[in-house]
C-alpha atoms as a PDB file:
ATOM      1  CA  MET A   1      -0.819 127.588  -3.355  1.00  0.00           C
ATOM      2  CA  GLY A   2       1.883 127.144  -0.702  1.00  0.00           C
ATOM      3  CA  GLU A   3       5.268 128.730  -0.283  1.00  0.00           C
ATOM      4  CA  LYS A   4       7.273 129.745  -3.315  1.00  0.00           C
ATOM      5  CA  ARG A   5      10.896 128.909  -4.045  1.00  0.00           C
ATOM      6  CA  ILE A   6      13.368 130.872  -6.089  1.00  0.00           C
ATOM      7  CA  ILE A   7      16.185 129.101  -7.905  1.00  0.00           C
ATOM      8  CA  GLU A   8      18.961 130.451 -10.089  1.00  0.00           C
ATOM      9  CA  VAL A   9      19.751 128.545 -13.281  1.00  0.00           C
ATOM     10  CA  ASP A  10      21.867 129.321 -16.306  1.00  0.00           C
ATOM     11  CA  GLU A  11      20.523 129.342 -19.868  1.00  0.00           C
ATOM     12  CA  TYR A  12      21.356 125.653 -20.399  1.00  0.00           C
ATOM     13  CA  GLN A  13      19.549 124.601 -17.218  1.00  0.00           C
ATOM     14  CA  HIS A  14      16.566 126.810 -18.093  1.00  0.00           C
ATOM     15  CA  GLY A  15      16.303 125.136 -21.489  1.00  0.00           C
ATOM     16  CA  LEU A  16      16.622 121.704 -19.900  1.00  0.00           C
ATOM     17  CA  ILE A  17      13.771 122.427 -17.466  1.00  0.00           C
ATOM     18  CA  LEU A  18      11.570 123.633 -20.336  1.00  0.00           C
ATOM     19  CA  ASN A  19      12.325 120.519 -22.406  1.00  0.00           C
ATOM     20  CA  VAL A  20      11.639 118.127 -19.520  1.00  0.00           C
ATOM     21  CA  LEU A  21       8.346 119.842 -18.684  1.00  0.00           C
ATOM     22  CA  ASN A  22       7.307 119.796 -22.337  1.00  0.00           C
ATOM     23  CA  ASP A  23       8.175 116.095 -22.610  1.00  0.00           C
ATOM     24  CA  LYS A  24       6.114 115.363 -19.495  1.00  0.00           C
ATOM     25  CA  ARG A  25       3.208 117.382 -20.907  1.00  0.00           C
ATOM     26  CA  ASN A  26       3.350 115.421 -24.178  1.00  0.00           C
ATOM     27  CA  GLU A  27       3.508 112.127 -22.262  1.00  0.00           C
ATOM     28  CA  LEU A  28       0.427 113.041 -20.213  1.00  0.00           C
ATOM     29  CA  GLN A  29      -1.446 114.099 -23.357  1.00  0.00           C
ATOM     30  CA  GLU A  30      -0.683 110.752 -25.010  1.00  0.00           C
ATOM     31  CA  GLN A  31      -2.072 108.996 -21.931  1.00  0.00           C
ATOM     32  CA  GLY A  32      -5.202 111.146 -22.020  1.00  0.00           C
ATOM     33  CA  LYS A  33      -4.393 112.676 -18.619  1.00  0.00           C
ATOM     34  CA  ASP A  34      -4.839 116.239 -17.397  1.00  0.00           C
ATOM     35  CA  THR A  35      -1.893 118.530 -18.198  1.00  0.00           C
ATOM     36  CA  GLU A  36      -3.085 121.681 -16.432  1.00  0.00           C
ATOM     37  CA  PHE A  37      -0.507 121.613 -13.621  1.00  0.00           C
ATOM     38  CA  VAL A  38       2.368 120.969 -16.032  1.00  0.00           C
ATOM     39  CA  ASP A  39       1.039 123.670 -18.390  1.00  0.00           C
ATOM     40  CA  GLU A  40       0.997 126.240 -15.569  1.00  0.00           C
ATOM     41  CA  THR A  41       4.482 125.264 -14.435  1.00  0.00           C
ATOM     42  CA  LEU A  42       5.779 125.440 -17.996  1.00  0.00           C
ATOM     43  CA  ILE A  43       4.371 128.947 -18.400  1.00  0.00           C
ATOM     44  CA  ASN A  44       5.860 130.043 -15.065  1.00  0.00           C
ATOM     45  CA  VAL A  45       9.302 128.802 -16.099  1.00  0.00           C
ATOM     46  CA  MET A  46       9.023 130.459 -19.536  1.00  0.00           C
ATOM     47  CA  ASP A  47       7.944 133.768 -17.973  1.00  0.00           C
ATOM     48  CA  ALA A  48      10.481 133.740 -15.126  1.00  0.00           C
ATOM     49  CA  PRO A  49      12.393 137.027 -15.054  1.00  0.00           C
ATOM     50  CA  GLN A  50      16.121 137.093 -15.600  1.00  0.00           C
ATOM     51  CA  LYS A  51      18.267 138.295 -12.751  1.00  0.00           C
ATOM     52  CA  LYS A  52      19.776 141.614 -13.656  1.00  0.00           C
ATOM     53  CA  ARG A  53      23.496 141.744 -13.127  1.00  0.00           C
ATOM     54  CA  LYS A  54      25.150 144.850 -11.901  1.00  0.00           C
ATOM     55  CA  LYS A  55      27.516 146.272 -14.449  1.00  0.00           C
ATOM     56  CA  HIS A  56      30.860 147.189 -13.005  1.00  0.00           C
ATOM     57  CA  ARG A  57      32.124 150.278 -14.673  1.00  0.00           C
ATOM     58  CA  HIS A  58      35.827 150.771 -14.750  1.00  0.00           C
ATOM     59  CA  ASP A  59      36.434 154.385 -13.907  1.00  0.00           C
ATOM     60  CA  PRO A  60      40.163 155.201 -14.273  1.00  0.00           C
ATOM     61  CA  GLU A  61      39.732 158.516 -12.454  1.00  0.00           C
ATOM     62  CA  ARG A  62      38.657 156.855  -9.205  1.00  0.00           C
END
């Protein structure tokens, strides 16, 4: 496996990527083709960690 890329997407974009990959997987299955690469990619997208946002605390005494 070559270099990895990290992208930031919002919840809508994440859902869109999952739906497109699933549609492609279903299309390949209907054609009797191998879906292993799409399956692995789908799992990677589903398991991708969320970026933790720093919480800004408002401290009136500062």
